[in-house]
């Protein structure tokens, strides 16, 4: 269990506190900035959850949405590997040549799935139920199985990681979301520019700009 105590001043700087701005990475491939304030909520999966519950946990902690709250969990953004482990090469015995998607391979109805969620069945157990009641699971290739699991994990086990908002993280977010806004510069290139300009922490620098006529 993660200790979310902030009594020590030496460790308080390493935990998420009210007023901090963090970079959020989600299991559905979103990345965004989030300010930690008591009344702020974020969308995780299909739920709106408060960010108040993340205060006191270390930066980099991965949370999973459970019952419309964020719970710290072990592992990565995806609880299971997306690709099979690399081992001795084996010729696959299954392929998809005879597979036909008729949308009737799942024995559980939407109503039954909703009932399981209402009963408090967690995401991992729910996915296990879906696999157990899938008529085509045994005929899927390993790649198809992992693709299926990833899709279900995104839906029923949505996760989020909150990291410290550093200069590198800032550049990484803008490069992935709005690269044109920073002239498509990666953080390593920006670092080289600052190094060539002899710009570093603790010094006073003058920034001058010129806007020519259009």
N, C-alpha and C. Protein backbone atom coordinates (compact mmCIF):
# COMPACT_ATOMS: atom_id res chain seq x y z
N UNK A 1 0.85 -1.20 0.00
CA UNK A 1 0.00 0.00 0.00
C UNK A 1 0.88 1.24 0.00
N UNK A 2 0.53 2.22 -0.79
CA UNK A 2 1.32 3.43 -0.89
C UNK A 2 1.08 4.30 0.32
N UNK A 3 2.17 4.80 0.93
CA UNK A 3 2.07 5.70 2.07
C UNK A 3 1.89 7.11 1.57
N UNK A 4 0.74 7.71 1.87
CA UNK A 4 0.47 9.05 1.37
C UNK A 4 0.68 10.12 2.43
N UNK A 5 1.49 9.81 3.42
CA UNK A 5 1.79 10.77 4.47
C UNK A 5 2.71 11.86 3.96
N UNK A 6 2.47 13.09 4.38
CA UNK A 6 3.28 14.22 3.94
C UNK A 6 3.89 14.95 5.13
N UNK A 7 4.09 14.22 6.26
CA UNK A 7 4.58 14.85 7.47
C UNK A 7 6.02 15.28 7.35
N UNK A 8 6.82 14.59 6.56
CA UNK A 8 8.23 14.92 6.42
C UNK A 8 8.42 15.96 5.35
N UNK A 9 9.11 17.06 5.71
CA UNK A 9 9.34 18.13 4.75
C UNK A 9 10.27 17.71 3.64
N UNK A 10 11.12 16.69 3.91
CA UNK A 10 12.07 16.25 2.89
C UNK A 10 11.39 15.46 1.80
N UNK A 11 10.21 14.86 2.11
CA UNK A 11 9.52 14.06 1.11
C UNK A 11 8.30 14.76 0.54
N UNK A 12 7.87 15.85 1.17
CA UNK A 12 6.65 16.52 0.73
C UNK A 12 6.78 17.07 -0.68
N UNK A 13 8.02 17.40 -1.10
CA UNK A 13 8.19 17.95 -2.44
C UNK A 13 8.03 16.87 -3.50
N UNK A 14 8.07 15.60 -3.10
CA UNK A 14 7.97 14.50 -4.05
C UNK A 14 6.56 13.96 -4.17
N UNK A 15 5.60 14.58 -3.50
CA UNK A 15 4.23 14.10 -3.56
C UNK A 15 3.33 15.17 -4.18
N UNK A 16 2.19 14.73 -4.64
CA UNK A 16 1.22 15.64 -5.27
C UNK A 16 0.50 16.42 -4.18
N UNK A 17 0.47 17.74 -4.35
CA UNK A 17 -0.18 18.59 -3.36
C UNK A 17 -1.21 19.49 -4.04
N UNK A 18 -2.12 20.03 -3.23
CA UNK A 18 -3.10 20.96 -3.75
C UNK A 18 -2.41 22.17 -4.37
N UNK A 19 -2.86 22.55 -5.56
CA UNK A 19 -2.26 23.67 -6.27
C UNK A 19 -1.22 23.28 -7.29
N UNK A 20 -0.74 22.02 -7.23
CA UNK A 20 0.23 21.54 -8.22
C UNK A 20 -0.43 21.39 -9.59
N UNK A 21 0.38 21.54 -10.62
CA UNK A 21 -0.05 21.20 -11.98
C UNK A 21 0.72 19.96 -12.40
N UNK A 22 0.02 18.93 -12.81
CA UNK A 22 0.64 17.67 -13.18
C UNK A 22 0.37 17.36 -14.65
N UNK A 23 1.19 16.48 -15.20
CA UNK A 23 0.96 15.97 -16.55
C UNK A 23 0.31 14.60 -16.41
N UNK A 24 -0.82 14.42 -17.06
CA UNK A 24 -1.59 13.18 -16.95
C UNK A 24 -1.46 12.35 -18.23
N UNK A 25 -1.11 11.08 -18.06
CA UNK A 25 -1.08 10.12 -19.16
C UNK A 25 -2.14 9.07 -18.86
N UNK A 26 -3.04 8.81 -19.81
CA UNK A 26 -4.13 7.87 -19.58
C UNK A 26 -3.97 6.62 -20.44
N UNK A 27 -4.68 5.58 -20.04
CA UNK A 27 -4.60 4.31 -20.77
C UNK A 27 -5.33 4.35 -22.11
N UNK A 28 -6.09 5.42 -22.37
CA UNK A 28 -6.70 5.57 -23.69
C UNK A 28 -5.92 6.58 -24.54
N UNK A 29 -4.62 6.68 -24.24
CA UNK A 29 -3.67 7.45 -25.07
C UNK A 29 -3.94 8.95 -25.07
N UNK A 30 -4.46 9.49 -23.98
CA UNK A 30 -4.59 10.94 -23.86
C UNK A 30 -3.48 11.47 -22.97
N UNK A 31 -3.08 12.70 -23.22
CA UNK A 31 -2.10 13.37 -22.37
C UNK A 31 -2.55 14.82 -22.22
N UNK A 32 -2.55 15.31 -20.98
CA UNK A 32 -3.04 16.66 -20.74
C UNK A 32 -2.50 17.17 -19.41
N UNK A 33 -2.60 18.50 -19.23
CA UNK A 33 -2.21 19.12 -17.96
C UNK A 33 -3.43 19.18 -17.04
N UNK A 34 -3.18 19.05 -15.75
CA UNK A 34 -4.27 19.12 -14.79
C UNK A 34 -3.81 19.80 -13.51
N UNK A 35 -4.57 20.81 -13.08
CA UNK A 35 -4.28 21.47 -11.81
C UNK A 35 -5.03 20.73 -10.70
N UNK A 36 -4.34 20.48 -9.60
CA UNK A 36 -4.92 19.74 -8.49
C UNK A 36 -5.62 20.71 -7.54
N UNK A 37 -6.92 20.79 -7.67
CA UNK A 37 -7.74 21.65 -6.82
C UNK A 37 -8.93 20.83 -6.31
N UNK A 38 -9.43 21.15 -5.12
CA UNK A 38 -10.49 20.33 -4.50
C UNK A 38 -11.73 20.14 -5.37
N UNK A 39 -12.11 21.16 -6.13
CA UNK A 39 -13.35 21.06 -6.89
C UNK A 39 -13.15 20.59 -8.33
N UNK A 40 -11.92 20.32 -8.70
CA UNK A 40 -11.65 19.91 -10.08
C UNK A 40 -11.97 18.43 -10.28
N UNK A 41 -12.54 18.11 -11.44
CA UNK A 41 -12.82 16.72 -11.80
C UNK A 41 -12.22 16.45 -13.18
N UNK A 42 -11.89 15.20 -13.42
CA UNK A 42 -11.35 14.80 -14.72
C UNK A 42 -12.12 13.59 -15.22
N UNK A 43 -12.07 13.40 -16.53
CA UNK A 43 -12.76 12.26 -17.14
C UNK A 43 -11.79 11.09 -17.26
N UNK A 44 -12.14 9.99 -16.62
CA UNK A 44 -11.37 8.75 -16.73
C UNK A 44 -12.33 7.68 -17.23
N UNK A 45 -12.07 7.18 -18.44
CA UNK A 45 -13.03 6.28 -19.04
C UNK A 45 -14.32 7.03 -19.31
N UNK A 46 -15.42 6.55 -18.74
CA UNK A 46 -16.70 7.22 -18.89
C UNK A 46 -17.14 7.90 -17.59
N UNK A 47 -16.24 7.98 -16.63
CA UNK A 47 -16.58 8.54 -15.33
C UNK A 47 -15.91 9.89 -15.11
N UNK A 48 -16.56 10.73 -14.34
CA UNK A 48 -16.00 11.99 -13.89
C UNK A 48 -15.58 11.81 -12.43
N UNK A 49 -14.29 11.98 -12.16
CA UNK A 49 -13.78 11.74 -10.81
C UNK A 49 -13.06 12.97 -10.30
N UNK A 50 -13.08 13.16 -8.99
CA UNK A 50 -12.41 14.29 -8.36
C UNK A 50 -10.91 14.00 -8.26
N UNK A 51 -10.10 15.05 -8.39
CA UNK A 51 -8.65 14.88 -8.27
C UNK A 51 -8.19 15.05 -6.83
N UNK A 52 -9.12 15.36 -5.94
CA UNK A 52 -8.77 15.57 -4.53
C UNK A 52 -8.11 14.34 -3.93
N UNK A 53 -8.54 13.14 -4.37
CA UNK A 53 -8.06 11.91 -3.77
C UNK A 53 -6.61 11.57 -4.11
N UNK A 54 -5.98 12.28 -5.04
CA UNK A 54 -4.60 11.96 -5.41
C UNK A 54 -3.60 12.73 -4.56
N UNK A 55 -4.06 13.67 -3.76
CA UNK A 55 -3.15 14.47 -2.94
C UNK A 55 -2.41 13.58 -1.94
N UNK A 56 -1.11 13.80 -1.81
CA UNK A 56 -0.31 13.05 -0.87
C UNK A 56 0.38 11.84 -1.45
N UNK A 57 0.03 11.45 -2.68
CA UNK A 57 0.69 10.32 -3.32
C UNK A 57 1.88 10.80 -4.14
N UNK A 58 2.91 9.97 -4.29
CA UNK A 58 4.11 10.39 -5.03
C UNK A 58 3.81 10.66 -6.50
N UNK A 59 4.56 11.59 -7.08
CA UNK A 59 4.49 11.82 -8.51
C UNK A 59 4.84 10.52 -9.23
N UNK A 60 4.15 10.23 -10.31
CA UNK A 60 4.39 9.00 -11.06
C UNK A 60 3.48 7.86 -10.67
N UNK A 61 2.70 8.05 -9.60
CA UNK A 61 1.77 7.00 -9.17
C UNK A 61 0.72 6.75 -10.25
N UNK A 62 0.40 5.48 -10.45
CA UNK A 62 -0.64 5.11 -11.41
C UNK A 62 -1.92 4.80 -10.65
N UNK A 63 -2.99 5.44 -11.07
CA UNK A 63 -4.29 5.27 -10.42
C UNK A 63 -5.26 4.57 -11.38
N UNK A 64 -6.18 3.82 -10.79
CA UNK A 64 -7.23 3.17 -11.57
C UNK A 64 -8.58 3.67 -11.07
N UNK A 65 -9.48 3.94 -12.00
CA UNK A 65 -10.82 4.38 -11.63
C UNK A 65 -11.63 3.19 -11.14
N UNK A 66 -12.08 3.29 -9.90
CA UNK A 66 -12.93 2.26 -9.31
C UNK A 66 -14.04 2.94 -8.52
N UNK A 67 -15.27 2.69 -8.90
CA UNK A 67 -16.43 3.28 -8.23
C UNK A 67 -16.33 4.80 -8.18
N UNK A 68 -15.93 5.39 -9.31
CA UNK A 68 -15.86 6.84 -9.48
C UNK A 68 -14.89 7.52 -8.51
N UNK A 69 -13.82 6.80 -8.18
CA UNK A 69 -12.72 7.39 -7.43
C UNK A 69 -11.42 6.82 -7.97
N UNK A 70 -10.29 7.45 -7.66
CA UNK A 70 -9.00 7.00 -8.16
C UNK A 70 -8.28 6.24 -7.06
N UNK A 71 -7.88 5.01 -7.38
CA UNK A 71 -7.22 4.13 -6.42
C UNK A 71 -5.82 3.82 -6.93
N UNK A 72 -4.77 3.99 -6.11
CA UNK A 72 -3.41 3.67 -6.56
C UNK A 72 -3.25 2.18 -6.80
N UNK A 73 -2.60 1.81 -7.90
CA UNK A 73 -2.43 0.40 -8.25
C UNK A 73 -0.99 0.14 -8.66
N UNK A 74 -0.62 -1.12 -8.67
CA UNK A 74 0.70 -1.53 -9.14
C UNK A 74 0.67 -1.75 -10.65
N UNK A 75 1.85 -1.78 -11.26
CA UNK A 75 1.94 -2.04 -12.69
C UNK A 75 1.90 -0.77 -13.51
N UNK A 76 1.76 -0.94 -14.82
CA UNK A 76 1.76 0.19 -15.72
C UNK A 76 0.36 0.66 -16.06
N UNK A 77 0.28 1.49 -17.10
CA UNK A 77 -1.02 1.98 -17.54
C UNK A 77 -1.89 0.83 -18.02
N UNK A 78 -1.25 -0.24 -18.51
CA UNK A 78 -1.98 -1.45 -18.89
C UNK A 78 -1.58 -2.56 -17.94
N UNK A 79 -2.52 -3.15 -17.22
CA UNK A 79 -2.18 -4.16 -16.22
C UNK A 79 -1.58 -5.42 -16.80
N UNK A 80 -1.86 -5.73 -18.06
CA UNK A 80 -1.31 -6.91 -18.71
C UNK A 80 -0.50 -6.48 -19.91
N UNK A 81 0.51 -7.29 -20.30
CA UNK A 81 1.30 -6.93 -21.48
C UNK A 81 0.42 -6.88 -22.72
N UNK A 82 0.70 -5.90 -23.59
CA UNK A 82 -0.08 -5.75 -24.81
C UNK A 82 0.37 -6.76 -25.85
N UNK A 83 1.63 -7.12 -25.82
CA UNK A 83 2.16 -8.08 -26.79
C UNK A 83 2.67 -9.31 -26.05
N UNK A 84 2.62 -10.48 -26.66
CA UNK A 84 3.12 -11.68 -26.00
C UNK A 84 4.61 -11.56 -25.71
N UNK A 85 5.05 -12.21 -24.64
CA UNK A 85 6.47 -12.20 -24.32
C UNK A 85 7.25 -12.93 -25.41
N UNK A 86 8.47 -12.45 -25.62
CA UNK A 86 9.31 -13.06 -26.64
C UNK A 86 10.01 -14.27 -26.04
N UNK A 87 9.83 -15.40 -26.65
CA UNK A 87 10.46 -16.62 -26.17
C UNK A 87 10.88 -17.47 -27.36
N UNK A 88 10.92 -18.78 -27.15
CA UNK A 88 11.24 -19.67 -28.26
C UNK A 88 10.18 -19.55 -29.33
N UNK A 89 10.63 -19.50 -30.57
CA UNK A 89 9.68 -19.33 -31.67
C UNK A 89 8.83 -20.58 -31.82
N UNK A 90 7.53 -20.35 -31.91
CA UNK A 90 6.59 -21.43 -32.15
C UNK A 90 5.66 -21.04 -33.28
N UNK A 91 5.37 -21.99 -34.13
CA UNK A 91 4.45 -21.74 -35.23
C UNK A 91 3.04 -21.63 -34.66
N UNK A 92 2.34 -20.51 -34.89
CA UNK A 92 0.98 -20.35 -34.35
C UNK A 92 0.06 -21.45 -34.85
N UNK A 93 -0.75 -21.97 -33.94
CA UNK A 93 -1.69 -23.02 -34.33
C UNK A 93 -3.05 -22.45 -34.70
N UNK A 94 -3.29 -21.18 -34.35
CA UNK A 94 -4.58 -20.55 -34.65
C UNK A 94 -4.38 -19.41 -35.64
N UNK A 95 -5.38 -19.17 -36.43
CA UNK A 95 -5.40 -17.98 -37.28
C UNK A 95 -6.85 -17.54 -37.42
N UNK A 96 -7.04 -16.43 -38.11
CA UNK A 96 -8.38 -15.84 -38.21
C UNK A 96 -9.08 -16.14 -39.53
N UNK A 97 -8.61 -17.11 -40.27
CA UNK A 97 -9.18 -17.34 -41.60
C UNK A 97 -10.64 -17.77 -41.54
N UNK A 98 -11.02 -18.46 -40.46
CA UNK A 98 -12.41 -18.93 -40.37
C UNK A 98 -13.26 -18.07 -39.44
N UNK A 99 -12.68 -16.95 -38.99
CA UNK A 99 -13.41 -16.11 -38.03
C UNK A 99 -14.33 -15.15 -38.75
N UNK A 100 -15.57 -15.09 -38.31
CA UNK A 100 -16.56 -14.16 -38.86
C UNK A 100 -17.16 -13.35 -37.72
N UNK A 101 -17.03 -12.03 -37.80
CA UNK A 101 -17.53 -11.16 -36.74
C UNK A 101 -19.03 -10.96 -36.92
N UNK A 102 -19.81 -11.67 -36.10
CA UNK A 102 -21.27 -11.58 -36.18
C UNK A 102 -21.88 -10.89 -34.96
N UNK A 103 -21.00 -10.41 -34.05
CA UNK A 103 -21.44 -9.71 -32.84
C UNK A 103 -22.31 -10.57 -31.93
N UNK A 104 -22.23 -11.87 -32.07
CA UNK A 104 -23.02 -12.74 -31.19
C UNK A 104 -22.14 -13.78 -30.48
N UNK A 105 -20.83 -13.54 -30.46
CA UNK A 105 -19.92 -14.49 -29.83
C UNK A 105 -19.88 -14.33 -28.32
N UNK A 106 -20.35 -13.18 -27.80
CA UNK A 106 -20.35 -12.93 -26.36
C UNK A 106 -21.69 -13.36 -25.76
N UNK A 107 -21.61 -14.31 -24.81
CA UNK A 107 -22.83 -14.83 -24.20
C UNK A 107 -23.47 -13.83 -23.25
N UNK A 108 -22.66 -12.98 -22.62
CA UNK A 108 -23.21 -11.99 -21.69
C UNK A 108 -23.84 -10.84 -22.45
N UNK A 109 -25.05 -10.49 -22.08
CA UNK A 109 -25.72 -9.36 -22.70
C UNK A 109 -25.26 -8.06 -22.06
N UNK A 110 -25.56 -6.94 -22.70
CA UNK A 110 -25.21 -5.64 -22.14
C UNK A 110 -25.88 -5.43 -20.79
N UNK A 111 -27.09 -5.93 -20.66
CA UNK A 111 -27.82 -5.80 -19.39
C UNK A 111 -27.11 -6.58 -18.28
N UNK A 112 -26.63 -7.77 -18.61
CA UNK A 112 -25.93 -8.59 -17.61
C UNK A 112 -24.60 -7.96 -17.22
N UNK A 113 -23.91 -7.38 -18.20
CA UNK A 113 -22.64 -6.71 -17.91
C UNK A 113 -22.87 -5.50 -17.01
N UNK A 114 -23.92 -4.74 -17.31
CA UNK A 114 -24.26 -3.58 -16.48
C UNK A 114 -24.62 -4.01 -15.06
N UNK A 115 -25.30 -5.15 -14.95
CA UNK A 115 -25.68 -5.65 -13.62
C UNK A 115 -24.44 -6.05 -12.82
N UNK A 116 -23.46 -6.66 -13.48
CA UNK A 116 -22.22 -7.03 -12.80
C UNK A 116 -21.48 -5.80 -12.29
N UNK A 117 -21.46 -4.76 -13.10
CA UNK A 117 -20.79 -3.52 -12.69
C UNK A 117 -21.52 -2.87 -11.53
N UNK A 118 -22.86 -2.94 -11.56
CA UNK A 118 -23.66 -2.36 -10.48
C UNK A 118 -23.44 -3.11 -9.17
N UNK A 119 -23.10 -4.40 -9.27
CA UNK A 119 -22.83 -5.21 -8.08
C UNK A 119 -21.45 -4.95 -7.50
N UNK A 120 -20.65 -4.13 -8.20
CA UNK A 120 -19.32 -3.79 -7.69
C UNK A 120 -18.22 -4.70 -8.18
N UNK A 121 -18.49 -5.51 -9.21
CA UNK A 121 -17.45 -6.37 -9.78
C UNK A 121 -16.38 -5.49 -10.40
N UNK A 122 -15.12 -5.70 -10.00
CA UNK A 122 -14.05 -4.84 -10.51
C UNK A 122 -13.72 -5.16 -11.96
N UNK A 123 -12.93 -4.29 -12.56
CA UNK A 123 -12.63 -4.42 -13.98
C UNK A 123 -11.94 -5.70 -14.35
N UNK A 124 -10.98 -6.14 -13.52
CA UNK A 124 -10.24 -7.36 -13.82
C UNK A 124 -11.16 -8.57 -13.83
N UNK A 125 -12.03 -8.67 -12.83
CA UNK A 125 -12.96 -9.80 -12.76
C UNK A 125 -13.97 -9.75 -13.89
N UNK A 126 -14.37 -8.55 -14.28
CA UNK A 126 -15.35 -8.40 -15.36
C UNK A 126 -14.75 -8.85 -16.69
N UNK A 127 -13.50 -8.48 -16.93
CA UNK A 127 -12.83 -8.91 -18.17
C UNK A 127 -12.69 -10.43 -18.19
N UNK A 128 -12.37 -11.01 -17.03
CA UNK A 128 -12.26 -12.47 -16.95
C UNK A 128 -13.60 -13.13 -17.29
N UNK A 129 -14.70 -12.50 -16.84
CA UNK A 129 -16.03 -13.02 -17.18
C UNK A 129 -16.29 -12.94 -18.68
N UNK A 130 -15.88 -11.83 -19.29
CA UNK A 130 -16.09 -11.66 -20.73
C UNK A 130 -15.31 -12.70 -21.52
N UNK A 131 -14.07 -12.96 -21.09
CA UNK A 131 -13.25 -13.97 -21.76
C UNK A 131 -13.88 -15.35 -21.59
N UNK A 132 -14.34 -15.63 -20.38
CA UNK A 132 -14.95 -16.93 -20.08
C UNK A 132 -16.20 -17.17 -20.92
N UNK A 133 -16.93 -16.12 -21.22
CA UNK A 133 -18.19 -16.26 -21.96
C UNK A 133 -18.06 -15.92 -23.44
N UNK A 134 -16.84 -15.87 -23.94
CA UNK A 134 -16.61 -15.61 -25.36
C UNK A 134 -16.48 -16.93 -26.11
N UNK A 135 -17.32 -17.12 -27.11
CA UNK A 135 -17.29 -18.37 -27.89
C UNK A 135 -16.07 -18.46 -28.79
N UNK A 136 -15.46 -17.32 -29.11
CA UNK A 136 -14.37 -17.32 -30.09
C UNK A 136 -13.00 -17.12 -29.46
N UNK A 137 -12.91 -17.05 -28.12
CA UNK A 137 -11.63 -16.75 -27.47
C UNK A 137 -10.56 -17.78 -27.83
N UNK A 138 -10.91 -19.06 -27.78
CA UNK A 138 -9.92 -20.11 -28.03
C UNK A 138 -9.45 -20.15 -29.48
N UNK A 139 -10.22 -19.56 -30.38
CA UNK A 139 -9.83 -19.58 -31.79
C UNK A 139 -9.04 -18.34 -32.19
N UNK A 140 -8.91 -17.39 -31.30
CA UNK A 140 -8.18 -16.16 -31.61
C UNK A 140 -6.67 -16.41 -31.59
N UNK A 141 -5.95 -15.63 -32.37
CA UNK A 141 -4.49 -15.66 -32.31
C UNK A 141 -4.05 -14.91 -31.07
N UNK A 142 -2.76 -15.08 -30.69
CA UNK A 142 -2.25 -14.37 -29.51
C UNK A 142 -2.36 -12.86 -29.71
N UNK A 143 -2.08 -12.40 -30.91
CA UNK A 143 -2.18 -10.97 -31.19
C UNK A 143 -3.61 -10.48 -31.00
N UNK A 144 -4.57 -11.26 -31.49
CA UNK A 144 -5.98 -10.88 -31.37
C UNK A 144 -6.42 -10.88 -29.91
N UNK A 145 -5.90 -11.83 -29.13
CA UNK A 145 -6.25 -11.88 -27.72
C UNK A 145 -5.75 -10.64 -26.99
N UNK A 146 -4.48 -10.27 -27.25
CA UNK A 146 -3.91 -9.11 -26.58
C UNK A 146 -4.61 -7.82 -27.02
N UNK A 147 -4.98 -7.75 -28.28
CA UNK A 147 -5.71 -6.59 -28.79
C UNK A 147 -7.08 -6.49 -28.11
N UNK A 148 -7.73 -7.62 -27.94
CA UNK A 148 -9.03 -7.67 -27.27
C UNK A 148 -8.90 -7.23 -25.81
N UNK A 149 -7.87 -7.76 -25.13
CA UNK A 149 -7.67 -7.42 -23.72
C UNK A 149 -7.39 -5.93 -23.55
N UNK A 150 -6.57 -5.38 -24.44
CA UNK A 150 -6.25 -3.96 -24.34
C UNK A 150 -7.51 -3.11 -24.48
N UNK A 151 -8.35 -3.48 -25.43
CA UNK A 151 -9.58 -2.73 -25.65
C UNK A 151 -10.49 -2.79 -24.43
N UNK A 152 -10.60 -3.97 -23.83
CA UNK A 152 -11.46 -4.12 -22.66
C UNK A 152 -10.86 -3.44 -21.43
N UNK A 153 -9.53 -3.45 -21.34
CA UNK A 153 -8.88 -2.77 -20.22
C UNK A 153 -9.11 -1.26 -20.30
N UNK A 154 -9.07 -0.72 -21.50
CA UNK A 154 -9.33 0.71 -21.67
C UNK A 154 -10.74 1.07 -21.24
N UNK A 155 -11.66 0.13 -21.43
CA UNK A 155 -13.07 0.40 -21.12
C UNK A 155 -13.40 0.13 -19.66
N UNK A 156 -12.91 -0.99 -19.11
CA UNK A 156 -13.32 -1.40 -17.78
C UNK A 156 -12.25 -1.21 -16.70
N UNK A 157 -11.01 -0.93 -17.09
CA UNK A 157 -9.94 -0.70 -16.12
C UNK A 157 -9.17 0.57 -16.50
N UNK A 158 -9.86 1.70 -16.67
CA UNK A 158 -9.17 2.92 -17.09
C UNK A 158 -8.16 3.38 -16.04
N UNK A 159 -6.96 3.70 -16.51
CA UNK A 159 -5.89 4.11 -15.61
C UNK A 159 -5.31 5.45 -16.02
N UNK A 160 -4.68 6.10 -15.05
CA UNK A 160 -4.06 7.39 -15.29
C UNK A 160 -2.78 7.49 -14.46
N UNK A 161 -1.76 8.08 -15.06
CA UNK A 161 -0.51 8.34 -14.34
C UNK A 161 -0.29 9.85 -14.29
N UNK A 162 0.04 10.35 -13.10
CA UNK A 162 0.27 11.78 -12.92
C UNK A 162 1.74 12.01 -12.59
N UNK A 163 2.43 12.75 -13.45
CA UNK A 163 3.85 13.00 -13.26
C UNK A 163 4.09 14.49 -13.05
N UNK A 164 5.24 14.80 -12.50
CA UNK A 164 5.58 16.19 -12.23
C UNK A 164 5.68 16.97 -13.54
N UNK A 165 5.21 18.20 -13.51
CA UNK A 165 5.25 19.05 -14.71
C UNK A 165 6.62 19.72 -14.78
N UNK A 166 7.56 19.07 -15.46
CA UNK A 166 8.91 19.60 -15.64
C UNK A 166 9.04 20.19 -17.04
N UNK A 167 10.19 20.80 -17.30
CA UNK A 167 10.43 21.38 -18.62
C UNK A 167 10.38 20.29 -19.69
N UNK A 168 10.96 19.13 -19.40
CA UNK A 168 10.97 18.02 -20.36
C UNK A 168 9.54 17.53 -20.61
N UNK A 169 8.77 17.36 -19.53
CA UNK A 169 7.38 16.91 -19.69
C UNK A 169 6.57 17.92 -20.47
N UNK A 170 6.81 19.20 -20.22
CA UNK A 170 6.10 20.27 -20.93
C UNK A 170 6.36 20.18 -22.43
N UNK A 171 7.64 20.02 -22.79
CA UNK A 171 8.00 19.91 -24.21
C UNK A 171 7.41 18.65 -24.83
N UNK A 172 7.42 17.56 -24.06
CA UNK A 172 6.91 16.29 -24.57
C UNK A 172 5.42 16.37 -24.87
N UNK A 173 4.67 17.03 -23.98
CA UNK A 173 3.22 17.17 -24.18
C UNK A 173 2.93 18.01 -25.42
N UNK A 174 3.59 19.15 -25.53
CA UNK A 174 3.33 20.02 -26.68
C UNK A 174 3.78 19.35 -27.98
N UNK A 175 4.88 18.59 -27.93
CA UNK A 175 5.35 17.92 -29.15
C UNK A 175 4.39 16.84 -29.61
N UNK A 176 3.69 16.21 -28.66
CA UNK A 176 2.74 15.15 -29.02
C UNK A 176 1.37 15.71 -29.39
N UNK A 177 1.01 16.88 -28.83
CA UNK A 177 -0.33 17.43 -29.07
C UNK A 177 -0.34 18.54 -30.11
N UNK A 178 0.55 19.51 -29.96
CA UNK A 178 0.57 20.68 -30.85
C UNK A 178 2.00 20.99 -31.26
N UNK A 179 2.63 20.09 -32.04
CA UNK A 179 4.04 20.28 -32.39
C UNK A 179 4.31 21.57 -33.15
N UNK A 180 3.34 22.03 -33.95
CA UNK A 180 3.55 23.27 -34.71
C UNK A 180 3.69 24.47 -33.80
N UNK A 181 3.11 24.39 -32.62
CA UNK A 181 3.15 25.50 -31.68
C UNK A 181 4.56 25.74 -31.15
N UNK A 182 5.40 24.71 -31.17
CA UNK A 182 6.79 24.84 -30.72
C UNK A 182 7.75 24.53 -31.86
N UNK A 183 7.29 24.78 -33.10
CA UNK A 183 8.12 24.60 -34.30
C UNK A 183 8.66 23.18 -34.42
N UNK A 184 7.89 22.21 -33.93
CA UNK A 184 8.26 20.79 -34.01
C UNK A 184 9.57 20.46 -33.32
N UNK A 185 9.92 21.24 -32.31
CA UNK A 185 11.17 21.03 -31.59
C UNK A 185 10.98 19.99 -30.49
N UNK A 186 11.84 18.97 -30.47
CA UNK A 186 11.85 18.01 -29.39
C UNK A 186 12.61 18.61 -28.20
N UNK A 187 12.40 18.01 -27.04
CA UNK A 187 13.04 18.56 -25.84
C UNK A 187 14.56 18.47 -25.90
N UNK A 188 15.10 17.45 -26.60
CA UNK A 188 16.56 17.34 -26.68
C UNK A 188 17.14 18.46 -27.55
N UNK A 189 16.42 18.85 -28.60
CA UNK A 189 16.87 19.95 -29.45
C UNK A 189 16.80 21.27 -28.69
N UNK A 190 15.72 21.46 -27.92
CA UNK A 190 15.60 22.68 -27.12
C UNK A 190 16.74 22.74 -26.11
N UNK A 191 17.10 21.60 -25.54
CA UNK A 191 18.22 21.55 -24.60
C UNK A 191 19.53 21.97 -25.25
N UNK A 192 19.75 21.54 -26.49
CA UNK A 192 20.96 21.93 -27.21
C UNK A 192 20.98 23.43 -27.49
N UNK A 193 19.83 23.98 -27.85
CA UNK A 193 19.75 25.42 -28.12
C UNK A 193 20.09 26.21 -26.85
N UNK A 194 19.54 25.79 -25.72
CA UNK A 194 19.83 26.46 -24.46
C UNK A 194 21.30 26.33 -24.09
N UNK A 195 21.87 25.16 -24.38
CA UNK A 195 23.29 24.95 -24.08
C UNK A 195 24.17 25.84 -24.94
N UNK A 196 23.88 25.92 -26.23
CA UNK A 196 24.66 26.78 -27.12
C UNK A 196 24.52 28.26 -26.73
N UNK A 197 23.37 28.62 -26.19
CA UNK A 197 23.15 30.01 -25.77
C UNK A 197 23.68 30.30 -24.38
N UNK A 198 24.31 29.29 -23.75
CA UNK A 198 24.87 29.44 -22.40
C UNK A 198 23.80 29.87 -21.39
N UNK A 199 22.62 29.27 -21.55
CA UNK A 199 21.50 29.58 -20.67
C UNK A 199 21.33 28.45 -19.66
N UNK A 200 21.38 28.79 -18.40
CA UNK A 200 21.21 27.77 -17.37
C UNK A 200 20.60 28.40 -16.13
N UNK A 201 20.18 27.55 -15.19
CA UNK A 201 19.49 28.02 -13.99
C UNK A 201 20.40 28.89 -13.13
N UNK A 202 19.82 29.89 -12.50
CA UNK A 202 20.56 30.75 -11.59
C UNK A 202 21.12 32.00 -12.22
N UNK A 203 20.99 32.14 -13.52
CA UNK A 203 21.49 33.33 -14.20
C UNK A 203 20.32 34.22 -14.61
N UNK A 204 20.62 35.49 -14.83
CA UNK A 204 19.63 36.41 -15.35
C UNK A 204 19.75 36.49 -16.86
N UNK A 205 18.64 36.36 -17.57
CA UNK A 205 18.67 36.35 -19.03
C UNK A 205 17.68 37.37 -19.57
N UNK A 206 18.04 37.96 -20.67
CA UNK A 206 17.18 38.93 -21.33
C UNK A 206 16.66 38.30 -22.62
N UNK A 207 15.35 38.27 -22.77
CA UNK A 207 14.72 37.70 -23.96
C UNK A 207 14.15 38.84 -24.79
N UNK A 208 14.64 38.98 -26.00
CA UNK A 208 14.18 40.04 -26.89
C UNK A 208 13.51 39.41 -28.10
N UNK A 209 12.39 39.97 -28.50
CA UNK A 209 11.67 39.45 -29.66
C UNK A 209 11.45 40.53 -30.68
N UNK A 210 11.32 40.12 -31.94
CA UNK A 210 11.08 41.07 -33.02
C UNK A 210 9.96 40.54 -33.89
N UNK A 211 8.96 41.34 -34.10
CA UNK A 211 7.84 40.95 -34.94
C UNK A 211 7.86 41.82 -36.19
N UNK A 212 8.26 41.22 -37.29
CA UNK A 212 8.35 41.96 -38.54
C UNK A 212 6.98 42.23 -39.13
N UNK A 213 6.94 43.15 -40.07
CA UNK A 213 5.69 43.47 -40.73
C UNK A 213 5.29 42.34 -41.67
N UNK A 214 3.99 42.07 -41.69
CA UNK A 214 3.47 41.01 -42.56
C UNK A 214 3.33 41.50 -43.99
